[in-house]
Amino acid sequence: MQNLYKAQYETMQGIASACLASATATAEQFAGQACTGFAPTGWKTSGREMLRLFTDFSDAKTAMGNKQWCTQRDALDLASVGQSGKQLLHLQADMADALWESNLQQLRDLGEAATLLLDTLAKARDKNDLGLAALAYCTAADAITKQSLGQTAAALGELGPALLRWLQRSLAEAPAPAKGKEASAKQA
């Protein structure tokens, strides 16, 4: 990395030196023409030289920026980061599905228990039947809630190990691509 910056510094120094030399030549030319009269061709030549130096500087700066970006891009391995993010989103979606399904099942079961309660209340003969129906509903609702909480706890219990596996896969080093003769030998 240090060599990259040193090479860029040396390139920019060379361009800056050329700009200084051109500016000095232009200043000398201007000083000489101030006494003898201005020659339009001299200004065109120095203008072209300054434009060329500016273009060289701009091109070198762009090339160095591109080279730095490519170096950093390759070091970041953005494709791998994208895959890792995609896997994490799938993990999150699976967890949300499991929790949502548990919640929906609880609501279905509570609805059935409430329907049963209303049917029982419609057939109740006295206060004892009302109390027994209410007790049966509360017992059923308690069991349904316990079952739903158990499913939620199981789903959340699976989340830790799943996240750990995702993290291990994401941080695992990708195998280095084989180069040259080793690559052709491995393919054969």
Protein backbone atom coordinates (compact mmCIF):
# COMPACT_ATOMS: atom_id res chain seq x y z
CA MET A 1 0.00 0.00 0.00
CA GLN A 2 2.87 2.33 0.85
CA ASN A 3 4.48 1.66 -2.55
CA LEU A 4 1.21 2.63 -4.24
CA TYR A 5 1.20 6.01 -2.51
CA LYS A 6 4.91 6.52 -3.18
CA ALA A 7 4.40 5.86 -6.92
CA GLN A 8 1.47 8.27 -7.00
CA TYR A 9 3.49 10.91 -5.18
CA GLU A 10 6.39 10.55 -7.62
CA THR A 11 4.05 10.82 -10.62
CA MET A 12 2.40 13.95 -9.25
CA GLN A 13 5.81 15.44 -8.41
CA GLY A 14 6.94 14.90 -12.01
CA ILE A 15 3.83 16.60 -13.35
CA ALA A 16 4.18 19.47 -10.85
CA SER A 17 7.83 19.94 -11.87
CA ALA A 18 6.81 20.06 -15.53
CA CYS A 19 4.11 22.65 -14.68
CA LEU A 20 6.68 24.77 -12.81
CA ALA A 21 9.11 24.57 -15.71
CA SER A 22 6.40 25.56 -18.16
CA ALA A 23 5.24 28.43 -15.95
CA THR A 24 8.82 29.64 -15.61
CA ALA A 25 9.34 29.49 -19.38
CA THR A 26 6.08 31.38 -19.90
CA ALA A 27 7.10 34.01 -17.35
CA GLU A 28 10.51 34.42 -19.07
CA GLN A 29 8.79 34.68 -22.43
CA PHE A 30 6.36 37.26 -21.04
CA ALA A 31 9.21 39.28 -19.54
CA GLY A 32 11.10 39.18 -22.84
CA GLN A 33 8.05 40.17 -24.85
CA ALA A 34 7.11 42.97 -22.47
CA CYS A 35 10.11 44.94 -23.74
CA THR A 36 10.14 43.87 -27.39
CA GLY A 37 6.43 43.43 -28.10
CA PHE A 38 4.08 40.49 -27.85
CA ALA A 39 4.19 37.59 -30.32
CA PRO A 40 0.85 35.72 -30.54
CA THR A 41 2.51 32.46 -31.56
CA GLY A 42 4.52 32.37 -28.33
CA TRP A 43 1.36 32.55 -26.22
CA LYS A 44 -0.28 29.79 -28.23
CA THR A 45 2.71 27.53 -27.70
CA SER A 46 2.81 28.10 -23.94
CA GLY A 47 -0.99 27.79 -23.75
CA ARG A 48 -0.85 24.44 -25.54
CA GLU A 49 1.92 23.30 -23.20
CA MET A 50 -0.10 24.28 -20.11
CA LEU A 51 -3.18 22.54 -21.53
CA ARG A 52 -1.13 19.41 -22.21
CA LEU A 53 0.30 19.46 -18.67
CA PHE A 54 -3.16 19.98 -17.16
CA THR A 55 -4.52 17.09 -19.24
CA ASP A 56 -1.61 14.87 -18.17
CA PHE A 57 -2.17 15.83 -14.54
CA SER A 58 -5.91 15.18 -14.81
CA ASP A 59 -5.39 11.84 -16.53
CA ALA A 60 -2.78 10.77 -13.96
CA LYS A 61 -5.05 11.80 -11.09
CA THR A 62 -7.98 9.86 -12.59
CA ALA A 63 -5.82 6.79 -13.22
CA MET A 64 -4.49 6.85 -9.65
CA GLY A 65 -7.99 7.23 -8.24
CA ASN A 66 -9.20 4.31 -10.33
CA LYS A 67 -6.24 2.19 -9.23
CA GLN A 68 -6.89 2.99 -5.57
CA TRP A 69 -10.59 2.17 -5.97
CA CYS A 70 -9.78 -1.16 -7.62
CA THR A 71 -7.33 -2.02 -4.85
CA GLN A 72 -9.82 -1.15 -2.13
CA ARG A 73 -12.70 -2.85 -3.97
CA ASP A 74 -10.73 -6.06 -4.28
CA ALA A 75 -9.73 -5.90 -0.61
CA LEU A 76 -13.37 -5.43 0.45
CA ASP A 77 -14.66 -8.39 -1.60
CA LEU A 78 -18.04 -6.76 -2.15
CA ALA A 79 -19.57 -9.80 -3.84
CA SER A 80 -18.96 -11.87 -0.70
CA VAL A 81 -20.40 -9.09 1.46
CA GLY A 82 -23.51 -9.02 -0.73
CA GLN A 83 -23.96 -12.79 -0.43
CA SER A 84 -23.51 -12.59 3.32
CA GLY A 85 -26.14 -9.85 3.57
CA LYS A 86 -28.52 -11.89 1.44
CA GLN A 87 -28.06 -14.92 3.72
CA LEU A 88 -28.73 -12.77 6.78
CA LEU A 89 -31.93 -11.42 5.23
CA HIS A 90 -33.07 -14.98 4.46
CA LEU A 91 -32.35 -15.94 8.06
CA GLN A 92 -34.37 -12.96 9.27
CA ALA A 93 -37.26 -13.83 6.92
CA ASP A 94 -37.29 -17.45 8.13
CA MET A 95 -37.38 -16.28 11.74
CA ALA A 96 -40.20 -13.82 11.01
CA ASP A 97 -42.15 -16.60 9.25
CA ALA A 98 -41.74 -18.95 12.21
CA LEU A 99 -42.84 -16.31 14.72
CA TRP A 100 -45.74 -15.18 12.54
CA GLU A 101 -46.95 -18.76 12.04
CA SER A 102 -46.83 -19.33 15.80
CA ASN A 103 -48.86 -16.18 16.39
CA LEU A 104 -51.43 -17.11 13.72
CA GLN A 105 -51.84 -20.59 15.17
CA GLN A 106 -52.40 -19.11 18.62
CA LEU A 107 -55.09 -16.79 17.22
CA ARG A 108 -56.81 -19.71 15.41
CA ASP A 109 -56.80 -21.83 18.56
CA LEU A 110 -58.08 -18.95 20.72
CA GLY A 111 -60.85 -18.37 18.18
CA GLU A 112 -61.89 -22.02 18.39
CA ALA A 113 -61.82 -21.87 22.19
CA ALA A 114 -63.96 -18.71 22.15
CA THR A 115 -66.43 -20.39 19.77
CA LEU A 116 -66.63 -23.39 22.08
CA LEU A 117 -67.16 -21.05 25.05
CA LEU A 118 -70.03 -19.28 23.31
CA ASP A 119 -71.62 -22.62 22.33
CA THR A 120 -71.33 -23.84 25.91
CA LEU A 121 -72.76 -20.58 27.27
CA ALA A 122 -75.70 -20.88 24.87
CA LYS A 123 -76.50 -24.31 26.37
CA ALA A 124 -75.86 -23.28 30.01
CA ARG A 125 -78.72 -24.04 32.42
CA ASP A 126 -77.49 -22.21 35.52
CA LYS A 127 -74.63 -20.32 37.19
CA ASN A 128 -72.64 -23.52 37.71
CA ASP A 129 -72.65 -24.20 33.95
CA LEU A 130 -71.51 -20.59 33.34
CA GLY A 131 -68.63 -20.97 35.81
CA LEU A 132 -67.59 -24.31 34.33
CA ALA A 133 -67.67 -22.88 30.79
CA ALA A 134 -65.55 -19.90 31.86
CA LEU A 135 -63.10 -22.21 33.64
CA ALA A 136 -62.86 -24.45 30.56
CA TYR A 137 -62.17 -21.42 28.34
CA CYS A 138 -59.50 -20.04 30.70
CA THR A 139 -57.82 -23.46 30.89
CA ALA A 140 -57.87 -23.82 27.09
CA ALA A 141 -56.58 -20.25 26.61
CA ASP A 142 -53.78 -20.91 29.12
CA ALA A 143 -52.74 -24.09 27.30
CA ILE A 144 -52.88 -22.34 23.91
CA THR A 145 -50.78 -19.43 25.19
CA LYS A 146 -48.23 -21.80 26.76
CA GLN A 147 -47.98 -23.73 23.49
CA SER A 148 -47.51 -20.50 21.51
CA LEU A 149 -44.86 -19.25 23.93
CA GLY A 150 -43.09 -22.61 23.66
CA GLN A 151 -43.04 -22.34 19.86
CA THR A 152 -41.79 -18.75 20.07
CA ALA A 153 -39.07 -19.73 22.54
CA ALA A 154 -38.02 -22.64 20.31
CA ALA A 155 -37.82 -20.35 17.27
CA LEU A 156 -35.81 -17.77 19.19
CA GLY A 157 -33.62 -20.55 20.62
CA GLU A 158 -32.72 -21.55 17.07
CA LEU A 159 -31.80 -17.97 16.22
CA GLY A 160 -28.53 -17.90 18.21
CA PRO A 161 -26.98 -20.99 16.58
CA ALA A 162 -28.25 -19.88 13.15
CA LEU A 163 -26.63 -16.47 13.58
CA LEU A 164 -23.41 -18.11 14.74
CA ARG A 165 -23.34 -20.38 11.66
CA TRP A 166 -24.04 -17.35 9.43
CA LEU A 167 -21.23 -15.39 11.09
CA GLN A 168 -18.78 -18.27 10.72
CA ARG A 169 -19.66 -18.67 7.03
CA SER A 170 -19.40 -14.92 6.45
CA LEU A 171 -16.02 -14.61 8.10
CA ALA A 172 -14.52 -17.77 6.61
CA GLU A 173 -11.68 -17.11 4.21
CA ALA A 174 -12.51 -17.86 0.61
CA PRO A 175 -10.10 -20.32 -1.00
CA ALA A 176 -7.47 -18.46 -3.02
CA PRO A 177 -7.73 -19.03 -6.77
CA ALA A 178 -4.94 -21.19 -8.15
CA LYS A 179 -2.54 -19.48 -10.56
CA GLY A 180 -0.58 -20.60 -13.59
CA LYS A 181 0.52 -24.21 -13.88
CA GLU A 182 -1.07 -25.16 -10.56
CA ALA A 183 -4.49 -24.18 -11.93
CA SER A 184 -4.15 -26.25 -15.07
CA ALA A 185 -2.80 -29.21 -13.08
CA LYS A 186 -5.78 -29.06 -10.72
CA GLN A 187 -8.24 -28.87 -13.60
CA ALA A 188 -6.77 -31.97 -15.26
